Amino acid sequence: MADDKITMEVARYRPDKDTKPGWQEYDVPLRTEWTVLDGLNHVKDEIDTTLAFRWSCRMGICGSCGMNVNGEPRLTCGTFLSDYAPGPVRVEPLANFPVVRDLVVDIDDFMEKLPRVKPWIIRDEEQSVDDGEYLQTPEELDAYKQFSMCINCMLCYSACPVYGLDPTFVGPAAIALAERYDLDSRDQGARERLDVLIEHEGVYGCTFVGECTRVCPKHVDPAGAIQRYKLKTAQESVKAFLLPRALRR
């Protein structure tokens, strides 16, 4: 292989033609500024138009270009080919999800589970428009900002061994988003989320491997959110033992 090229080994699966996934090699230019996504786009534009993969913003914001690169869940728009020189670099679809075609996975399971944790502002009673905005101090914003950085890229689900083994587990990103709203000073829905996450498919499915936090490209720390929820559920169990429900808030 010439020094100015690198081989990409790309997983291929076309359900209308293939009985099982396979591999195909492509030689692409090895340029310092090229990411794995740039390599895939070169393949798509110049070599093989049938290759299927997702991408959109190319800036690490949309979360749509997550794939396994040499066995590691990565955003391919932020993963440079030169880091894998002289190659080859192997690109696969994210693990733990059904493959739709080539590098495209089906995330319907996540989309179905996410609303269960109610990741939105819940109010017991909305204030009127005349009362103005719900204002926050910088300190109140900082309390949840870390967990608000999630871009739903699914890297944490791909790295999570529990999600791979237990299809009922709600998963790290959904729990991190629940914690984001619990920590929001405008929100009053923590009790409703806790009722969901206190169940087995909630936080107690997690065995705290911690891979979700390690691979998160936005440093959201889903494992930390899960541990926070385990503490809350433990406190709730004590309250349930000692207090009538009306006094548990």
C-alpha atoms as a PDB file:
ATOM      1  CA  MET A   1       0.000   0.000   0.000  1.00  0.00           C
ATOM      2  CA  ALA A   2       1.383   3.402  -0.973  1.00  0.00           C
ATOM      3  CA  ASP A   3       1.966   5.884   1.863  1.00  0.00           C
ATOM      4  CA  ASP A   4      -0.674   8.213   0.434  1.00  0.00           C
ATOM      5  CA  LYS A   5      -3.458   5.600   0.637  1.00  0.00           C
ATOM      6  CA  ILE A   6      -5.114   3.518   3.336  1.00  0.00           C
ATOM      7  CA  THR A   7      -7.336   0.462   3.045  1.00  0.00           C
ATOM      8  CA  MET A   8     -10.816   0.635   4.550  1.00  0.00           C
ATOM      9  CA  GLU A   9     -12.430  -2.714   5.338  1.00  0.00           C
ATOM     10  CA  VAL A  10     -16.144  -1.951   5.309  1.00  0.00           C
ATOM     11  CA  ALA A  11     -18.969  -4.206   6.481  1.00  0.00           C
ATOM     12  CA  ARG A  12     -21.524  -4.795   3.759  1.00  0.00           C
ATOM     13  CA  TYR A  13     -25.010  -6.233   4.092  1.00  0.00           C
ATOM     14  CA  ARG A  14     -27.753  -5.834   1.538  1.00  0.00           C
ATOM     15  CA  PRO A  15     -30.761  -7.808   2.801  1.00  0.00           C
ATOM     16  CA  ASP A  16     -32.258  -8.010  -0.689  1.00  0.00           C
ATOM     17  CA  LYS A  17     -29.120  -9.827  -1.955  1.00  0.00           C
ATOM     18  CA  ASP A  18     -27.026 -11.137   0.958  1.00  0.00           C
ATOM     19  CA  THR A  19     -27.789 -14.000   3.324  1.00  0.00           C
ATOM     20  CA  LYS A  20     -25.259 -12.687   5.880  1.00  0.00           C
ATOM     21  CA  PRO A  21     -22.932  -9.701   6.382  1.00  0.00           C
ATOM     22  CA  GLY A  22     -19.565  -9.649   4.597  1.00  0.00           C
ATOM     23  CA  TRP A  23     -16.569  -7.365   4.043  1.00  0.00           C
ATOM     24  CA  GLN A  24     -15.385  -5.237   1.164  1.00  0.00           C
ATOM     25  CA  GLU A  25     -12.056  -3.418   0.867  1.00  0.00           C
ATOM     26  CA  TYR A  26     -11.581   0.063  -0.569  1.00  0.00           C
ATOM     27  CA  ASP A  27      -8.336   2.013  -0.959  1.00  0.00           C
ATOM     28  CA  VAL A  28      -8.849   5.704  -0.194  1.00  0.00           C
ATOM     29  CA  PRO A  29      -6.489   8.705  -0.025  1.00  0.00           C
ATOM     30  CA  LEU A  30      -4.683   9.058   3.309  1.00  0.00           C
ATOM     31  CA  ARG A  31      -4.795  12.779   4.039  1.00  0.00           C
ATOM     32  CA  THR A  32      -4.083  14.374   7.389  1.00  0.00           C
ATOM     33  CA  GLU A  33      -7.390  16.226   7.513  1.00  0.00           C
ATOM     34  CA  TRP A  34      -9.552  13.311   6.338  1.00  0.00           C
ATOM     35  CA  THR A  35     -11.825  11.567   8.814  1.00  0.00           C
ATOM     36  CA  VAL A  36     -13.267   8.070   8.514  1.00  0.00           C
ATOM     37  CA  LEU A  37     -16.473   9.737   7.293  1.00  0.00           C
ATOM     38  CA  ASP A  38     -14.479  11.510   4.566  1.00  0.00           C
ATOM     39  CA  GLY A  39     -13.127   8.117   3.511  1.00  0.00           C
ATOM     40  CA  LEU A  40     -16.614   6.654   3.334  1.00  0.00           C
ATOM     41  CA  ASN A  41     -17.862   9.626   1.328  1.00  0.00           C
ATOM     42  CA  HIS A  42     -14.929   9.159  -1.075  1.00  0.00           C
ATOM     43  CA  VAL A  43     -15.971   5.535  -1.530  1.00  0.00           C
ATOM     44  CA  LYS A  44     -19.579   6.587  -2.088  1.00  0.00           C
ATOM     45  CA  ASP A  45     -18.725   9.386  -4.548  1.00  0.00           C
ATOM     46  CA  GLU A  46     -15.828   7.837  -6.479  1.00  0.00           C
ATOM     47  CA  ILE A  47     -15.767   4.049  -6.094  1.00  0.00           C
ATOM     48  CA  ASP A  48     -19.019   2.386  -5.034  1.00  0.00           C
ATOM     49  CA  THR A  49     -22.317   4.276  -5.019  1.00  0.00           C
ATOM     50  CA  THR A  50     -24.165   1.332  -3.452  1.00  0.00           C
ATOM     51  CA  LEU A  51     -22.551   1.759  -0.024  1.00  0.00           C
ATOM     52  CA  ALA A  52     -25.124   2.872   2.589  1.00  0.00           C
ATOM     53  CA  PHE A  53     -24.340   4.869   5.767  1.00  0.00           C
ATOM     54  CA  ARG A  54     -25.806   7.782   7.750  1.00  0.00           C
ATOM     55  CA  TRP A  55     -24.291  11.201   8.236  1.00  0.00           C
ATOM     56  CA  SER A  56     -25.399  14.816   8.294  1.00  0.00           C
ATOM     57  CA  CYS A  57     -23.580  17.695  10.025  1.00  0.00           C
ATOM     58  CA  ARG A  58     -19.913  16.522   9.940  1.00  0.00           C
ATOM     59  CA  MET A  59     -19.351  18.564  13.127  1.00  0.00           C
ATOM     60  CA  GLY A  60     -20.065  16.108  15.947  1.00  0.00           C
ATOM     61  CA  ILE A  61     -23.470  17.642  16.632  1.00  0.00           C
ATOM     62  CA  CYS A  62     -26.132  15.540  14.915  1.00  0.00           C
ATOM     63  CA  GLY A  63     -24.889  12.154  16.173  1.00  0.00           C
ATOM     64  CA  SER A  64     -25.934  10.336  13.011  1.00  0.00           C
ATOM     65  CA  CYS A  65     -22.525   9.044  11.838  1.00  0.00           C
ATOM     66  CA  GLY A  66     -21.797   6.699  14.761  1.00  0.00           C
ATOM     67  CA  MET A  67     -20.151   3.429  13.694  1.00  0.00           C
ATOM     68  CA  ASN A  68     -17.683   0.904  15.067  1.00  0.00           C
ATOM     69  CA  VAL A  69     -14.151   1.809  13.936  1.00  0.00           C
ATOM     70  CA  ASN A  70     -11.652  -0.957  14.596  1.00  0.00           C
ATOM     71  CA  GLY A  71     -14.099  -2.356  17.139  1.00  0.00           C
ATOM     72  CA  GLU A  72     -14.675   0.927  19.009  1.00  0.00           C
ATOM     73  CA  PRO A  73     -17.919   2.972  18.854  1.00  0.00           C
ATOM     74  CA  ARG A  74     -16.926   6.342  17.383  1.00  0.00           C
ATOM     75  CA  LEU A  75     -18.380   9.360  15.614  1.00  0.00           C
ATOM     76  CA  THR A  76     -16.780   8.886  12.219  1.00  0.00           C
ATOM     77  CA  CYS A  77     -16.812  12.642  11.527  1.00  0.00           C
ATOM     78  CA  GLY A  78     -14.386  13.105  14.431  1.00  0.00           C
ATOM     79  CA  THR A  79     -12.196  10.040  13.867  1.00  0.00           C
ATOM     80  CA  PHE A  80      -9.178  10.601  11.642  1.00  0.00           C
ATOM     81  CA  LEU A  81      -7.902   8.057   9.154  1.00  0.00           C
ATOM     82  CA  SER A  82      -4.309   9.039   9.921  1.00  0.00           C
ATOM     83  CA  ASP A  83      -4.742   7.676  13.468  1.00  0.00           C
ATOM     84  CA  TYR A  84      -5.057   4.207  11.915  1.00  0.00           C
ATOM     85  CA  ALA A  85      -2.159   4.425   9.440  1.00  0.00           C
ATOM     86  CA  PRO A  86      -0.791   2.377   7.814  1.00  0.00           C
ATOM     87  CA  GLY A  87      -4.131   0.551   8.078  1.00  0.00           C
ATOM     88  CA  PRO A  88      -6.294  -1.213   7.363  1.00  0.00           C
ATOM     89  CA  VAL A  89      -9.113   0.473   9.236  1.00  0.00           C
ATOM     90  CA  ARG A  90     -12.209  -1.634   9.783  1.00  0.00           C
ATOM     91  CA  VAL A  91     -15.643   0.067   9.787  1.00  0.00           C
ATOM     92  CA  GLU A  92     -18.761  -1.736  10.999  1.00  0.00           C
ATOM     93  CA  PRO A  93     -22.304  -0.780  12.018  1.00  0.00           C
ATOM     94  CA  LEU A  94     -22.865  -0.042  15.706  1.00  0.00           C
ATOM     95  CA  ALA A  95     -23.162  -3.213  17.768  1.00  0.00           C
ATOM     96  CA  ASN A  96     -26.368  -4.201  19.612  1.00  0.00           C
ATOM     97  CA  PHE A  97     -28.687  -2.867  16.890  1.00  0.00           C
ATOM     98  CA  PRO A  98     -30.306  -4.687  13.939  1.00  0.00           C
ATOM     99  CA  VAL A  99     -28.601  -3.808  10.645  1.00  0.00           C
ATOM    100  CA  VAL A 100     -30.880  -2.255   8.033  1.00  0.00           C
ATOM    101  CA  ARG A 101     -28.239  -2.134   5.290  1.00  0.00           C
ATOM    102  CA  ASP A 102     -24.418  -1.931   5.270  1.00  0.00           C
ATOM    103  CA  LEU A 103     -23.538   0.565   8.047  1.00  0.00           C
ATOM    104  CA  VAL A 104     -27.096   1.702   8.781  1.00  0.00           C
ATOM    105  CA  VAL A 105     -28.719   0.383  11.970  1.00  0.00           C
ATOM    106  CA  ASP A 106     -32.305   0.352  13.184  1.00  0.00           C
ATOM    107  CA  ILE A 107     -32.704   2.529  16.332  1.00  0.00           C
ATOM    108  CA  ASP A 108     -36.474   2.046  16.701  1.00  0.00           C
ATOM    109  CA  ASP A 109     -35.936   0.297  20.049  1.00  0.00           C
ATOM    110  CA  PHE A 110     -34.318   3.434  21.494  1.00  0.00           C
ATOM    111  CA  MET A 111     -36.979   5.683  19.981  1.00  0.00           C
ATOM    112  CA  GLU A 112     -39.671   3.554  21.622  1.00  0.00           C
ATOM    113  CA  LYS A 113     -37.975   3.510  25.039  1.00  0.00           C
ATOM    114  CA  LEU A 114     -36.917   7.154  25.253  1.00  0.00           C
ATOM    115  CA  PRO A 115     -40.422   8.642  25.866  1.00  0.00           C
ATOM    116  CA  ARG A 116     -40.906   6.270  28.817  1.00  0.00           C
ATOM    117  CA  VAL A 117     -38.526   8.390  30.930  1.00  0.00           C
ATOM    118  CA  LYS A 118     -40.383  11.581  29.937  1.00  0.00           C
ATOM    119  CA  PRO A 119     -37.394  13.661  28.782  1.00  0.00           C
ATOM    120  CA  TRP A 120     -39.165  16.991  28.791  1.00  0.00           C
ATOM    121  CA  ILE A 121     -40.102  19.686  31.335  1.00  0.00           C
ATOM    122  CA  ILE A 122     -43.017  18.557  33.518  1.00  0.00           C
ATOM    123  CA  ARG A 123     -44.903  21.104  35.598  1.00  0.00           C
ATOM    124  CA  ASP A 124     -47.608  20.488  38.188  1.00  0.00           C
ATOM    125  CA  GLU A 125     -49.059  23.843  37.216  1.00  0.00           C
ATOM    126  CA  GLU A 126     -47.898  26.113  34.375  1.00  0.00           C
ATOM    127  CA  GLN A 127     -47.460  29.781  35.170  1.00  0.00           C
ATOM    128  CA  SER A 128     -49.307  32.203  32.917  1.00  0.00           C
ATOM    129  CA  VAL A 129     -47.659  34.036  30.011  1.00  0.00           C
ATOM    130  CA  ASP A 130     -48.127  37.258  31.953  1.00  0.00           C
ATOM    131  CA  ASP A 131     -45.849  35.882  34.645  1.00  0.00           C
ATOM    132  CA  GLY A 132     -42.989  35.804  32.137  1.00  0.00           C
ATOM    133  CA  GLU A 133     -40.244  33.253  31.549  1.00  0.00           C
ATOM    134  CA  TYR A 134     -38.975  30.579  33.866  1.00  0.00           C
ATOM    135  CA  LEU A 135     -35.647  32.133  34.795  1.00  0.00           C
ATOM    136  CA  GLN A 136     -32.561  30.241  35.972  1.00  0.00           C
ATOM    137  CA  THR A 137     -29.332  31.279  37.602  1.00  0.00           C
ATOM    138  CA  PRO A 138     -26.000  30.216  36.044  1.00  0.00           C
ATOM    139  CA  GLU A 139     -25.633  27.772  38.922  1.00  0.00           C
ATOM    140  CA  GLU A 140     -29.016  26.170  38.148  1.00  0.00           C
ATOM    141  CA  LEU A 141     -28.001  25.828  34.497  1.00  0.00           C
ATOM    142  CA  ASP A 142     -24.695  24.231  35.445  1.00  0.00           C
ATOM    143  CA  ALA A 143     -26.526  21.621  37.523  1.00  0.00           C
ATOM    144  CA  TYR A 144     -27.914  19.849  34.443  1.00  0.00           C
ATOM    145  CA  LYS A 145     -25.763  21.176  31.582  1.00  0.00           C
ATOM    146  CA  GLN A 146     -23.483  18.131  31.430  1.00  0.00           C
ATOM    147  CA  PHE A 147     -26.422  15.765  30.906  1.00  0.00           C
ATOM    148  CA  SER A 148     -28.016  18.067  28.327  1.00  0.00           C
ATOM    149  CA  MET A 149     -25.105  17.541  25.925  1.00  0.00           C
ATOM    150  CA  CYS A 150     -26.372  14.124  24.732  1.00  0.00           C
ATOM    151  CA  ILE A 151     -26.756  13.983  20.937  1.00  0.00           C
ATOM    152  CA  ASN A 152     -28.463  10.558  20.804  1.00  0.00           C
ATOM    153  CA  CYS A 153     -25.565   9.115  18.797  1.00  0.00           C
ATOM    154  CA  MET A 154     -26.136   5.619  20.251  1.00  0.00           C
ATOM    155  CA  LEU A 155     -22.432   5.025  20.941  1.00  0.00           C
ATOM    156  CA  CYS A 156     -23.236   4.299  24.598  1.00  0.00           C
ATOM    157  CA  TYR A 157     -25.813   1.666  23.607  1.00  0.00           C
ATOM    158  CA  SER A 158     -23.313   0.032  21.257  1.00  0.00           C
ATOM    159  CA  ALA A 159     -20.708  -0.148  24.045  1.00  0.00           C
ATOM    160  CA  CYS A 160     -23.140  -1.327  26.746  1.00  0.00           C
ATOM    161  CA  PRO A 161     -22.906  -5.103  27.374  1.00  0.00           C
ATOM    162  CA  VAL A 162     -26.132  -5.042  29.397  1.00  0.00           C
ATOM    163  CA  TYR A 163     -28.130  -3.546  26.517  1.00  0.00           C
ATOM    164  CA  GLY A 164     -26.649  -6.199  24.246  1.00  0.00           C
ATOM    165  CA  LEU A 165     -27.853  -9.000  26.525  1.00  0.00           C
ATOM    166  CA  ASP A 166     -31.091  -7.611  27.987  1.00  0.00           C
ATOM    167  CA  PRO A 167     -33.486  -6.132  25.404  1.00  0.00           C
ATOM    168  CA  THR A 168     -35.715  -4.733  28.160  1.00  0.00           C
ATOM    169  CA  PHE A 169     -32.990  -2.416  29.577  1.00  0.00           C
ATOM    170  CA  VAL A 170     -33.978   1.190  28.864  1.00  0.00           C
ATOM    171  CA  GLY A 171     -30.303   2.070  28.294  1.00  0.00           C
ATOM    172  CA  PRO A 172     -27.719   4.708  29.253  1.00  0.00           C
ATOM    173  CA  ALA A 173     -28.704   7.693  27.090  1.00  0.00           C
ATOM    174  CA  ALA A 174     -32.362   7.560  28.126  1.00  0.00           C
ATOM    175  CA  ILE A 175     -31.384   7.472  31.820  1.00  0.00           C
ATOM    176  CA  ALA A 176     -28.908  10.342  31.345  1.00  0.00           C
ATOM    177  CA  LEU A 177     -31.662  12.425  29.743  1.00  0.00           C
ATOM    178  CA  ALA A 178     -34.021  11.619  32.608  1.00  0.00           C
ATOM    179  CA  GLU A 179     -31.376  12.885  35.019  1.00  0.00           C
ATOM    180  CA  ARG A 180     -30.947  16.025  32.897  1.00  0.00           C
ATOM    181  CA  TYR A 181     -34.595  16.982  33.522  1.00  0.00           C
ATOM    182  CA  ASP A 182     -34.567  15.919  37.160  1.00  0.00           C
ATOM    183  CA  LEU A 183     -31.760  18.418  37.742  1.00  0.00           C
ATOM    184  CA  ASP A 184     -33.560  21.233  35.900  1.00  0.00           C
ATOM    185  CA  SER A 185     -34.915  23.799  38.388  1.00  0.00           C
ATOM    186  CA  ARG A 186     -37.983  24.355  36.159  1.00  0.00           C
ATOM    187  CA  ASP A 187     -39.010  20.700  36.258  1.00  0.00           C
ATOM    188  CA  GLN A 188     -41.327  18.946  38.708  1.00  0.00           C
ATOM    189  CA  GLY A 189     -41.446  15.498  37.094  1.00  0.00           C
ATOM    190  CA  ALA A 190     -38.775  13.614  39.027  1.00  0.00           C
ATOM    191  CA  ARG A 191     -41.339  11.449  40.786  1.00  0.00           C
ATOM    192  CA  GLU A 192     -42.872  10.313  37.471  1.00  0.00           C
ATOM    193  CA  ARG A 193     -39.461   9.372  36.039  1.00  0.00           C
ATOM    194  CA  LEU A 194     -38.451   7.571  39.192  1.00  0.00           C
ATOM    195  CA  ASP A 195     -41.564   5.386  38.982  1.00  0.00           C
ATOM    196  CA  VAL A 196     -40.278   4.187  35.572  1.00  0.00           C
ATOM    197  CA  LEU A 197     -36.592   3.835  36.355  1.00  0.00           C
ATOM    198  CA  ILE A 198     -37.022   2.090  39.704  1.00  0.00           C
ATOM    199  CA  GLU A 199     -38.162  -1.010  37.818  1.00  0.00           C
ATOM    200  CA  HIS A 200     -35.748  -3.767  36.701  1.00  0.00           C
ATOM    201  CA  GLU A 201     -35.591  -2.476  33.115  1.00  0.00           C
ATOM    202  CA  GLY A 202     -34.563   0.897  34.553  1.00  0.00           C
ATOM    203  CA  VAL A 203     -31.389   1.578  36.496  1.00  0.00           C
ATOM    204  CA  TYR A 204     -31.129  -1.809  38.189  1.00  0.00           C
ATOM    205  CA  GLY A 205     -30.471  -3.549  34.892  1.00  0.00           C
ATOM    206  CA  CYS A 206     -27.104  -1.737  34.820  1.00  0.00           C
ATOM    207  CA  THR A 207     -24.108  -3.588  36.274  1.00  0.00           C
ATOM    208  CA  PHE A 208     -21.922  -0.441  36.112  1.00  0.00           C
ATOM    209  CA  VAL A 209     -19.389  -1.551  33.514  1.00  0.00           C
ATOM    210  CA  GLY A 210     -18.900   2.133  32.665  1.00  0.00           C
ATOM    211  CA  GLU A 211     -18.243   1.730  28.924  1.00  0.00           C
ATOM    212  CA  CYS A 212     -21.126   4.124  28.161  1.00  0.00           C
ATOM    213  CA  THR A 213     -19.273   6.994  29.809  1.00  0.00           C
ATOM    214  CA  ARG A 214     -15.911   6.040  28.302  1.00  0.00           C
ATOM    215  CA  VAL A 215     -17.152   6.158  24.686  1.00  0.00           C
ATOM    216  CA  CYS A 216     -19.440   9.210  25.005  1.00  0.00           C
ATOM    217  CA  PRO A 217     -18.098  11.873  22.593  1.00  0.00           C
ATOM    218  CA  LYS A 218     -19.786  14.657  24.601  1.00  0.00           C
ATOM    219  CA  HIS A 219     -18.642  13.592  28.097  1.00  0.00           C
ATOM    220  CA  VAL A 220     -22.219  13.225  29.288  1.00  0.00           C
ATOM    221  CA  ASP A 221     -21.385  10.489  31.829  1.00  0.00           C
ATOM    222  CA  PRO A 222     -24.420   8.179  31.574  1.00  0.00           C
ATOM    223  CA  ALA A 223     -22.841   5.836  34.135  1.00  0.00           C
ATOM    224  CA  GLY A 224     -22.795   8.710  36.629  1.00  0.00           C
ATOM    225  CA  ALA A 225     -26.473   9.424  35.917  1.00  0.00           C
ATOM    226  CA  ILE A 226     -27.343   5.784  36.547  1.00  0.00           C
ATOM    227  CA  GLN A 227     -25.512   5.801  39.878  1.00  0.00           C
ATOM    228  CA  ARG A 228     -27.355   8.971  40.885  1.00  0.00           C
ATOM    229  CA  TYR A 229     -30.656   7.260  40.075  1.00  0.00           C
ATOM    230  CA  LYS A 230     -29.708   4.171  42.050  1.00  0.00           C
ATOM    231  CA  LEU A 231     -29.139   6.417  45.070  1.00  0.00           C
ATOM    232  CA  LYS A 232     -32.520   8.076  44.510  1.00  0.00           C
ATOM    233  CA  THR A 233     -34.290   4.730  44.214  1.00  0.00           C
ATOM    234  CA  ALA A 234     -32.619   3.528  47.411  1.00  0.00           C
ATOM    235  CA  GLN A 235     -33.763   6.663  49.222  1.00  0.00           C
ATOM    236  CA  GLU A 236     -37.254   6.162  47.812  1.00  0.00           C
ATOM    237  CA  SER A 237     -37.330   2.596  49.145  1.00  0.00           C
ATOM    238  CA  VAL A 238     -36.483   3.856  52.613  1.00  0.00           C
ATOM    239  CA  LYS A 239     -39.202   6.522  52.388  1.00  0.00           C
ATOM    240  CA  ALA A 240     -41.706   3.935  51.185  1.00  0.00           C
ATOM    241  CA  PHE A 241     -40.940   1.864  54.254  1.00  0.00           C
ATOM    242  CA  LEU A 242     -41.202   4.747  56.703  1.00  0.00           C
ATOM    243  CA  LEU A 243     -43.710   7.223  55.232  1.00  0.00           C
ATOM    244  CA  PRO A 244     -47.176   7.174  53.598  1.00  0.00           C
ATOM    245  CA  ARG A 245     -47.006   8.051  49.859  1.00  0.00           C
ATOM    246  CA  ALA A 246     -48.455  11.556  50.330  1.00  0.00           C
ATOM    247  CA  LEU A 247     -45.394  12.559  52.391  1.00  0.00           C
ATOM    248  CA  ARG A 248     -42.648  11.106  50.168  1.00  0.00           C
ATOM    249  CA  ARG A 249     -41.796  14.086  47.972  1.00  0.00           C
END
